[in-house]
N, C-alpha and C. Protein backbone atom coordinates (compact mmCIF):
# COMPACT_ATOMS: atom_id res chain seq x y z
N MET A 1 -8.73 -15.75 -3.70
CA MET A 1 -8.64 -14.22 -3.72
C MET A 1 -8.00 -13.32 -2.32
N SER A 2 -6.99 -12.50 -2.72
CA SER A 2 -6.50 -11.82 -1.64
C SER A 2 -7.25 -10.75 -1.09
N ALA A 3 -6.94 -10.22 -0.09
CA ALA A 3 -8.27 -8.95 0.60
C ALA A 3 -6.96 -7.91 0.72
N PHE A 4 -5.94 -8.08 -0.12
CA PHE A 4 -5.06 -6.72 -0.51
C PHE A 4 -5.50 -6.10 -1.66
N ALA A 5 -5.46 -4.91 -1.86
CA ALA A 5 -5.43 -4.23 -3.15
C ALA A 5 -4.24 -3.17 -3.48
N SER A 6 -3.58 -3.82 -4.36
CA SER A 6 -2.13 -3.26 -4.64
C SER A 6 -2.31 -2.16 -5.74
N GLU A 7 -1.34 -1.15 -5.38
CA GLU A 7 -1.43 0.12 -6.11
C GLU A 7 -0.92 -0.29 -7.70
N PRO A 8 -1.50 0.17 -8.52
CA PRO A 8 -1.35 -0.41 -9.70
C PRO A 8 -0.20 0.62 -10.46
N GLY A 9 0.09 1.92 -10.02
CA GLY A 9 1.00 2.93 -10.36
C GLY A 9 2.36 2.35 -10.42
N LEU A 10 2.78 1.52 -9.79
CA LEU A 10 3.87 0.77 -9.31
C LEU A 10 4.46 -0.27 -10.01
N ASP A 11 3.95 -0.77 -11.30
CA ASP A 11 4.24 -1.71 -12.10
C ASP A 11 5.53 -1.73 -12.68
N ASP A 12 6.24 -0.37 -12.80
CA ASP A 12 7.36 -0.01 -13.54
C ASP A 12 8.36 0.23 -12.56
N ILE A 13 8.13 0.19 -11.32
CA ILE A 13 9.36 0.66 -10.47
C ILE A 13 10.40 -0.47 -10.11
N ARG A 14 11.68 -0.31 -10.77
CA ARG A 14 12.72 -1.41 -10.68
C ARG A 14 13.79 -0.49 -9.77
N ASP A 15 14.55 -1.53 -9.46
CA ASP A 15 15.89 -1.31 -8.61
C ASP A 15 16.86 -0.53 -9.45
N ALA A 16 17.16 0.47 -8.87
CA ALA A 16 18.01 1.71 -9.74
C ALA A 16 19.53 1.16 -10.23
N ALA A 17 19.58 0.28 -9.16
CA ALA A 17 21.17 -0.69 -9.47
C ALA A 17 20.85 -1.79 -10.46
N GLY A 18 19.92 -2.10 -10.72
CA GLY A 18 19.74 -3.08 -12.04
C GLY A 18 19.30 -4.31 -11.40
N HIS A 19 18.94 -4.57 -10.19
CA HIS A 19 18.83 -5.87 -9.49
C HIS A 19 17.28 -5.98 -9.92
N ASP A 20 17.09 -7.53 -9.99
CA ASP A 20 15.75 -7.80 -10.34
C ASP A 20 14.83 -7.70 -8.70
N THR A 21 14.59 -6.13 -8.69
CA THR A 21 13.62 -6.22 -7.48
C THR A 21 12.37 -5.31 -7.83
N GLU A 22 11.61 -5.47 -6.92
CA GLU A 22 10.40 -4.50 -7.16
C GLU A 22 9.57 -4.36 -5.87
N VAL A 23 8.74 -3.11 -6.05
CA VAL A 23 8.14 -2.71 -4.61
C VAL A 23 7.02 -2.87 -4.86
N ASP A 24 6.02 -3.24 -3.93
CA ASP A 24 4.36 -3.05 -4.08
C ASP A 24 3.79 -2.72 -2.65
N VAL A 25 3.07 -1.44 -2.91
CA VAL A 25 2.05 -1.01 -1.71
C VAL A 25 0.69 -1.78 -1.92
N ALA A 26 0.31 -1.87 -1.00
CA ALA A 26 -1.27 -2.54 -0.82
C ALA A 26 -1.86 -2.04 0.31
N VAL A 27 -3.32 -2.12 0.27
CA VAL A 27 -4.14 -1.77 1.31
C VAL A 27 -4.94 -3.39 1.34
N HIS A 28 -5.10 -3.61 2.85
CA HIS A 28 -6.19 -4.85 2.96
C HIS A 28 -7.45 -4.17 3.20
N LEU A 29 -8.06 -4.53 2.76
CA LEU A 29 -9.50 -3.98 2.24
C LEU A 29 -10.43 -4.21 3.41
N HIS A 30 -10.13 -5.17 4.20
CA HIS A 30 -11.11 -5.61 5.60
C HIS A 30 -10.62 -4.92 6.69
N ASP A 31 -9.27 -4.76 7.09
CA ASP A 31 -9.00 -4.02 8.00
C ASP A 31 -8.13 -2.95 8.15
N GLY A 32 -8.01 -2.33 6.55
CA GLY A 32 -7.17 -1.40 6.52
C GLY A 32 -5.81 -1.12 6.90
N THR A 33 -4.96 -2.48 7.06
CA THR A 33 -3.95 -1.79 6.97
C THR A 33 -2.89 -1.72 5.83
N VAL A 34 -1.91 -1.53 6.00
CA VAL A 34 -1.00 -1.25 4.41
C VAL A 34 0.38 -1.91 4.40
N ARG A 35 0.51 -2.98 3.39
CA ARG A 35 1.74 -3.54 3.47
C ARG A 35 2.26 -2.65 2.22
N LEU A 36 3.66 -2.64 2.57
CA LEU A 36 4.77 -2.37 1.78
C LEU A 36 5.91 -3.48 1.76
N SER A 37 5.71 -4.04 0.29
CA SER A 37 6.56 -5.26 -0.12
C SER A 37 7.69 -4.95 -0.83
N ILE A 38 9.01 -5.28 -0.59
CA ILE A 38 10.03 -5.38 -1.30
C ILE A 38 10.14 -6.90 -1.71
N LEU A 39 10.12 -6.99 -3.29
CA LEU A 39 10.02 -8.20 -3.47
C LEU A 39 11.32 -8.73 -4.33
N TRP A 40 11.76 -9.94 -3.90
CA TRP A 40 13.29 -10.72 -4.42
C TRP A 40 14.25 -10.42 -3.68
N ARG A 41 14.24 -9.28 -2.88
CA ARG A 41 15.81 -8.75 -1.93
C ARG A 41 15.14 -8.22 -0.79
N GLN A 42 16.09 -7.83 0.07
CA GLN A 42 15.81 -7.49 1.29
C GLN A 42 15.81 -5.67 1.09
N GLU A 43 16.16 -5.06 0.08
CA GLU A 43 16.15 -3.82 0.02
C GLU A 43 15.96 -3.44 -1.46
N ILE A 44 15.77 -1.85 -1.98
CA ILE A 44 15.60 -1.55 -3.02
C ILE A 44 15.88 -0.09 -3.32
N LEU A 45 16.87 -0.20 -4.19
CA LEU A 45 17.63 1.27 -4.63
C LEU A 45 16.67 2.02 -5.58
N LEU A 46 16.12 3.40 -5.35
CA LEU A 46 15.24 4.05 -6.10
C LEU A 46 15.85 5.29 -6.51
N ASN A 47 15.60 5.61 -7.76
CA ASN A 47 16.04 6.69 -8.14
C ASN A 47 14.88 8.09 -7.58
N ALA A 48 15.12 9.16 -7.75
CA ALA A 48 14.45 10.18 -7.17
C ALA A 48 12.97 10.29 -7.52
N ASP A 49 12.74 10.13 -8.94
CA ASP A 49 11.66 9.90 -9.54
C ASP A 49 10.40 8.77 -9.19
N ASP A 50 11.17 7.59 -9.06
CA ASP A 50 10.65 6.38 -8.17
C ASP A 50 10.28 6.58 -6.79
N ALA A 51 11.36 6.99 -6.05
CA ALA A 51 10.78 7.13 -4.54
C ALA A 51 9.86 8.28 -4.52
N ASP A 52 9.94 9.07 -5.27
CA ASP A 52 8.48 9.82 -5.01
C ASP A 52 7.19 9.24 -5.35
N GLN A 53 7.18 8.42 -6.42
CA GLN A 53 5.86 7.68 -6.98
C GLN A 53 5.64 6.68 -5.35
N VAL A 54 6.73 5.92 -5.19
CA VAL A 54 6.60 5.03 -3.97
C VAL A 54 5.81 5.71 -2.60
N ALA A 55 6.43 7.10 -2.51
CA ALA A 55 5.77 7.83 -1.31
C ALA A 55 4.60 8.25 -1.48
N GLN A 56 4.18 8.34 -2.66
CA GLN A 56 2.76 8.92 -3.25
C GLN A 56 1.76 7.80 -2.85
N ALA A 57 2.37 6.79 -3.58
CA ALA A 57 1.53 5.44 -3.20
C ALA A 57 1.22 5.23 -2.08
N LEU A 58 2.42 5.20 -0.83
CA LEU A 58 2.12 5.22 0.38
C LEU A 58 1.10 6.17 0.84
N GLN A 59 1.13 7.19 0.60
CA GLN A 59 0.16 8.35 1.19
C GLN A 59 -1.34 7.77 0.85
N ARG A 60 -1.46 7.42 -0.70
CA ARG A 60 -2.82 7.10 -0.94
C ARG A 60 -3.36 5.95 -0.50
N ALA A 61 -2.58 4.97 -0.26
CA ALA A 61 -3.01 3.82 0.75
C ALA A 61 -3.17 4.30 2.19
N ALA A 62 -2.49 5.10 2.87
CA ALA A 62 -2.94 5.59 4.26
C ALA A 62 -4.22 6.18 3.87
N GLU A 63 -4.52 7.10 2.94
CA GLU A 63 -6.08 7.74 3.25
C GLU A 63 -6.97 6.60 2.63
N GLN A 64 -6.74 5.67 2.13
CA GLN A 64 -7.67 4.59 1.86
C GLN A 64 -7.78 3.74 3.26
N ALA A 65 -6.59 3.53 3.82
CA ALA A 65 -6.93 2.76 4.93
C ALA A 65 -7.56 3.51 6.18
N ARG A 66 -7.28 4.53 6.10
CA ARG A 66 -8.14 5.64 7.18
C ARG A 66 -9.28 5.55 7.04
N ARG A 67 -9.98 5.52 5.43
CA ARG A 67 -11.23 5.47 5.16
C ARG A 67 -12.07 4.28 5.75
N ILE A 68 -11.28 2.97 5.41
CA ILE A 68 -11.75 1.72 5.67
C ILE A 68 -12.17 1.51 7.06
N THR A 69 -11.06 2.02 8.18
CA THR A 69 -11.08 1.82 9.72
C THR A 69 -12.04 2.65 9.99
N ALA A 70 -12.29 4.13 9.34
CA ALA A 70 -13.21 4.87 10.05
C ALA A 70 -14.47 4.55 9.67
N THR A 71 -15.04 3.45 9.12
CA THR A 71 -16.24 2.94 8.97
C THR A 71 -16.66 1.49 9.63
N ARG A 72 -15.51 1.35 10.66
CA ARG A 72 -15.54 0.33 11.49
C ARG A 72 -15.66 0.47 12.67
N GLY A 73 -16.15 -0.30 13.81
CA GLY A 73 -16.17 -0.01 14.94
C GLY A 73 -14.99 -0.66 15.94
N PRO A 74 -14.97 -0.39 17.04
CA PRO A 74 -13.74 -0.66 17.92
C PRO A 74 -13.80 -2.34 17.72
N THR A 75 -14.73 -3.07 17.41
CA THR A 75 -14.60 -4.49 17.22
C THR A 75 -14.32 -5.01 15.79
N GLY A 76 -13.99 -3.95 14.70
CA GLY A 76 -13.94 -4.33 13.44
C GLY A 76 -14.93 -4.69 12.97
N GLN A 77 -16.18 -4.52 13.48
CA GLN A 77 -17.42 -4.67 12.93
C GLN A 77 -17.95 -3.50 12.09
N PRO A 78 -18.79 -3.36 11.10
CA PRO A 78 -19.18 -1.80 10.63
C PRO A 78 -19.84 -1.11 12.24
N ALA A 79 -19.35 0.29 11.78
CA ALA A 79 -19.73 0.96 12.86
C ALA A 79 -21.57 1.39 12.47
N PRO A 80 -21.99 1.63 13.71
CA PRO A 80 -23.41 2.07 13.37
C PRO A 80 -23.58 3.11 12.81
N ALA A 81 -24.89 3.21 11.89
CA ALA A 81 -24.93 4.40 11.10
C ALA A 81 -25.37 5.43 11.84
N SER A 82 -25.21 6.70 11.74
CA SER A 82 -25.66 7.78 12.40
C SER A 82 -26.64 8.36 11.82
N TYR A 83 -27.62 9.12 12.07
CA TYR A 83 -28.46 9.55 11.85
C TYR A 83 -28.51 11.14 12.16
């Protein structure tokens, strides 16, 4: 089972030049890192609408990553509860 959670809204994003290329944005659920993957090639050409969708997905992933890391202490362990 992967520790990464992929953005489901990017399933239909494909290379604008017709290459069989996909993009994936995912958040690591344990350490809060964000992964941007371009699958099957080294680059992807996006039309403006698809570029907006990818940018929004990255912003959502960054927000989720911040929430994950905010609950962790400096050692990566859950932060102590504050009362």
